[in-house]
Amino acid sequence: MKEIKAFIHPHRTAAVIQALRESGACDAQAGAACIHIAISQVQCVHATSDSTQQHYSVELGEPVVLQTKLELVCEDDAADALVDLIVRNGHARQPCSGWVHVSTLDRRVPIL
């Protein structure tokens, strides 16, 4: 199993989710390879070449960039295709539109 975490611009989130849905890879009713998609809004502490993207976080006391973090778990053989799909649909036409991280999961245990 693989865990994919993607940090993308918030305005690209809907396009990525739609592409995942249309791919059929994340259709739980069809026995999909993609399991448990989670989306959260995050504040990333890093410099950006576009200062209009930065906001000042009072809590952190420094500039941040607002991004969407998309997390999903998938079968090993589906990871490359899902990463490619996220990269193609998450691109915001900027030098760096985000990052995708892929990790290997040792195990997955359901809470019953």
C-alpha atoms as a PDB file:
ATOM      1  CA  MET A   1       0.000   0.000   0.000  1.00  0.00           C
ATOM      2  CA  LYS A   2       1.087   3.577  -0.669  1.00  0.00           C
ATOM      3  CA  GLU A   3       0.095   6.837   0.971  1.00  0.00           C
ATOM      4  CA  ILE A   4       0.016   9.864  -1.305  1.00  0.00           C
ATOM      5  CA  LYS A   5       0.066  13.369   0.153  1.00  0.00           C
ATOM      6  CA  ALA A   6      -0.312  16.264  -2.258  1.00  0.00           C
ATOM      7  CA  PHE A   7       0.034  19.927  -1.383  1.00  0.00           C
ATOM      8  CA  ILE A   8      -1.773  21.961  -4.047  1.00  0.00           C
ATOM      9  CA  HIS A   9      -3.198  25.439  -4.556  1.00  0.00           C
ATOM     10  CA  PRO A  10      -6.725  25.675  -3.139  1.00  0.00           C
ATOM     11  CA  HIS A  11      -8.197  26.761  -6.477  1.00  0.00           C
ATOM     12  CA  ARG A  12      -6.989  23.487  -8.099  1.00  0.00           C
ATOM     13  CA  THR A  13      -8.580  21.201  -5.479  1.00  0.00           C
ATOM     14  CA  ALA A  14     -11.900  20.755  -7.288  1.00  0.00           C
ATOM     15  CA  ALA A  15     -10.140  19.874 -10.563  1.00  0.00           C
ATOM     16  CA  VAL A  16      -7.999  17.233  -8.843  1.00  0.00           C
ATOM     17  CA  ILE A  17     -10.975  15.681  -7.035  1.00  0.00           C
ATOM     18  CA  GLN A  18     -13.013  15.639 -10.253  1.00  0.00           C
ATOM     19  CA  ALA A  19     -10.148  13.980 -12.147  1.00  0.00           C
ATOM     20  CA  LEU A  20      -9.782  11.330  -9.409  1.00  0.00           C
ATOM     21  CA  ARG A  21     -13.512  10.670  -9.540  1.00  0.00           C
ATOM     22  CA  GLU A  22     -13.628  10.507 -13.358  1.00  0.00           C
ATOM     23  CA  SER A  23     -10.612   8.170 -13.496  1.00  0.00           C
ATOM     24  CA  GLY A  24     -12.623   5.472 -11.748  1.00  0.00           C
ATOM     25  CA  ALA A  25      -9.607   4.697  -9.564  1.00  0.00           C
ATOM     26  CA  CYS A  26     -11.344   6.108  -6.500  1.00  0.00           C
ATOM     27  CA  ASP A  27     -14.786   4.569  -7.003  1.00  0.00           C
ATOM     28  CA  ALA A  28     -15.340   2.640  -3.776  1.00  0.00           C
ATOM     29  CA  GLN A  29     -18.357   0.814  -5.217  1.00  0.00           C
ATOM     30  CA  ALA A  30     -16.262  -0.612  -8.049  1.00  0.00           C
ATOM     31  CA  GLY A  31     -13.571  -2.017  -5.754  1.00  0.00           C
ATOM     32  CA  ALA A  32     -11.203   0.857  -6.439  1.00  0.00           C
ATOM     33  CA  ALA A  33      -7.465   0.914  -5.853  1.00  0.00           C
ATOM     34  CA  CYS A  34      -7.746   4.284  -4.131  1.00  0.00           C
ATOM     35  CA  ILE A  35      -8.941   4.270  -0.533  1.00  0.00           C
ATOM     36  CA  HIS A  36      -9.871   7.046   1.892  1.00  0.00           C
ATOM     37  CA  ILE A  37      -9.387  10.473   0.328  1.00  0.00           C
ATOM     38  CA  ALA A  38      -8.987  13.248   2.912  1.00  0.00           C
ATOM     39  CA  ILE A  39      -8.704  16.958   2.225  1.00  0.00           C
ATOM     40  CA  SER A  40      -7.620  19.665   4.638  1.00  0.00           C
ATOM     41  CA  GLN A  41      -6.642  23.311   4.438  1.00  0.00           C
ATOM     42  CA  VAL A  42      -3.086  23.936   5.631  1.00  0.00           C
ATOM     43  CA  GLN A  43      -0.718  26.847   6.150  1.00  0.00           C
ATOM     44  CA  CYS A  44       2.712  26.230   4.658  1.00  0.00           C
ATOM     45  CA  VAL A  45       5.659  28.154   6.013  1.00  0.00           C
ATOM     46  CA  HIS A  46       7.902  28.741   3.023  1.00  0.00           C
ATOM     47  CA  ALA A  47       8.980  31.466   0.666  1.00  0.00           C
ATOM     48  CA  THR A  48       7.176  31.916  -2.619  1.00  0.00           C
ATOM     49  CA  SER A  49       8.160  33.931  -5.647  1.00  0.00           C
ATOM     50  CA  ASP A  50       4.657  35.423  -5.739  1.00  0.00           C
ATOM     51  CA  SER A  51       4.184  37.619  -2.671  1.00  0.00           C
ATOM     52  CA  THR A  52       0.431  37.885  -3.414  1.00  0.00           C
ATOM     53  CA  GLN A  53       0.171  34.216  -2.387  1.00  0.00           C
ATOM     54  CA  GLN A  54       1.459  34.912   1.124  1.00  0.00           C
ATOM     55  CA  HIS A  55      -0.655  35.826   4.119  1.00  0.00           C
ATOM     56  CA  TYR A  56       0.531  36.789   7.564  1.00  0.00           C
ATOM     57  CA  SER A  57      -0.352  34.253  10.247  1.00  0.00           C
ATOM     58  CA  VAL A  58      -0.904  35.907  13.601  1.00  0.00           C
ATOM     59  CA  GLU A  59      -0.719  32.488  15.311  1.00  0.00           C
ATOM     60  CA  LEU A  60       2.668  31.655  13.784  1.00  0.00           C
ATOM     61  CA  GLY A  61       4.014  35.195  13.611  1.00  0.00           C
ATOM     62  CA  GLU A  62       5.238  34.881  10.040  1.00  0.00           C
ATOM     63  CA  PRO A  63       4.089  34.740   6.416  1.00  0.00           C
ATOM     64  CA  VAL A  64       2.395  31.562   5.223  1.00  0.00           C
ATOM     65  CA  VAL A  65       0.977  30.226   1.989  1.00  0.00           C
ATOM     66  CA  LEU A  66      -2.478  28.661   2.137  1.00  0.00           C
ATOM     67  CA  GLN A  67      -2.660  25.263   0.443  1.00  0.00           C
ATOM     68  CA  THR A  68      -4.863  22.209   0.290  1.00  0.00           C
ATOM     69  CA  LYS A  69      -3.440  18.909   1.523  1.00  0.00           C
ATOM     70  CA  LEU A  70      -4.952  15.906  -0.205  1.00  0.00           C
ATOM     71  CA  GLU A  71      -4.209  12.496   1.304  1.00  0.00           C
ATOM     72  CA  LEU A  72      -5.134   9.100  -0.037  1.00  0.00           C
ATOM     73  CA  VAL A  73      -4.139   5.478   0.319  1.00  0.00           C
ATOM     74  CA  CYS A  74      -3.862   3.228  -2.724  1.00  0.00           C
ATOM     75  CA  GLU A  75      -2.591  -0.097  -3.970  1.00  0.00           C
ATOM     76  CA  ASP A  76       1.097  -0.083  -4.969  1.00  0.00           C
ATOM     77  CA  ASP A  77       0.386  -0.570  -8.665  1.00  0.00           C
ATOM     78  CA  ALA A  78      -1.977   2.446  -8.782  1.00  0.00           C
ATOM     79  CA  ALA A  79       0.360   4.976  -7.151  1.00  0.00           C
ATOM     80  CA  ASP A  80       2.214   6.178 -10.262  1.00  0.00           C
ATOM     81  CA  ALA A  81      -0.985   6.744 -12.242  1.00  0.00           C
ATOM     82  CA  LEU A  82      -2.619   8.606  -9.346  1.00  0.00           C
ATOM     83  CA  VAL A  83       0.445  10.801  -8.810  1.00  0.00           C
ATOM     84  CA  ASP A  84       0.482  11.640 -12.536  1.00  0.00           C
ATOM     85  CA  LEU A  85      -3.222  12.501 -12.423  1.00  0.00           C
ATOM     86  CA  ILE A  86      -2.715  14.786  -9.387  1.00  0.00           C
ATOM     87  CA  VAL A  87       0.283  16.527 -10.984  1.00  0.00           C
ATOM     88  CA  ARG A  88      -1.518  17.132 -14.300  1.00  0.00           C
ATOM     89  CA  ASN A  89      -4.695  18.462 -12.691  1.00  0.00           C
ATOM     90  CA  GLY A  90      -3.056  20.252  -9.764  1.00  0.00           C
ATOM     91  CA  HIS A  91      -0.739  22.405 -11.863  1.00  0.00           C
ATOM     92  CA  ALA A  92      -1.536  26.084 -11.273  1.00  0.00           C
ATOM     93  CA  ARG A  93       0.587  27.503 -14.124  1.00  0.00           C
ATOM     94  CA  GLN A  94       3.252  28.709 -11.720  1.00  0.00           C
ATOM     95  CA  PRO A  95       6.916  27.679 -11.364  1.00  0.00           C
ATOM     96  CA  CYS A  96       6.042  25.499  -8.357  1.00  0.00           C
ATOM     97  CA  SER A  97       2.380  24.577  -8.004  1.00  0.00           C
ATOM     98  CA  GLY A  98       2.864  22.250  -5.042  1.00  0.00           C
ATOM     99  CA  TRP A  99       4.357  18.907  -4.098  1.00  0.00           C
ATOM    100  CA  VAL A 100       3.329  15.269  -4.078  1.00  0.00           C
ATOM    101  CA  HIS A 101       4.876  12.869  -1.551  1.00  0.00           C
ATOM    102  CA  VAL A 102       4.545   9.084  -1.768  1.00  0.00           C
ATOM    103  CA  SER A 103       5.244   6.802   1.193  1.00  0.00           C
ATOM    104  CA  THR A 104       4.990   3.071   1.726  1.00  0.00           C
ATOM    105  CA  LEU A 105       2.528   1.946   4.385  1.00  0.00           C
ATOM    106  CA  ASP A 106       3.490  -1.032   6.486  1.00  0.00           C
ATOM    107  CA  ARG A 107      -0.078  -1.890   7.368  1.00  0.00           C
ATOM    108  CA  ARG A 108      -3.644  -0.658   7.406  1.00  0.00           C
ATOM    109  CA  VAL A 109      -6.019  -1.685  10.199  1.00  0.00           C
ATOM    110  CA  PRO A 110      -9.770  -1.019  10.065  1.00  0.00           C
ATOM    111  CA  ILE A 111     -11.530   0.362  13.112  1.00  0.00           C
ATOM    112  CA  LEU A 112     -14.572  -1.880  13.564  1.00  0.00           C
END
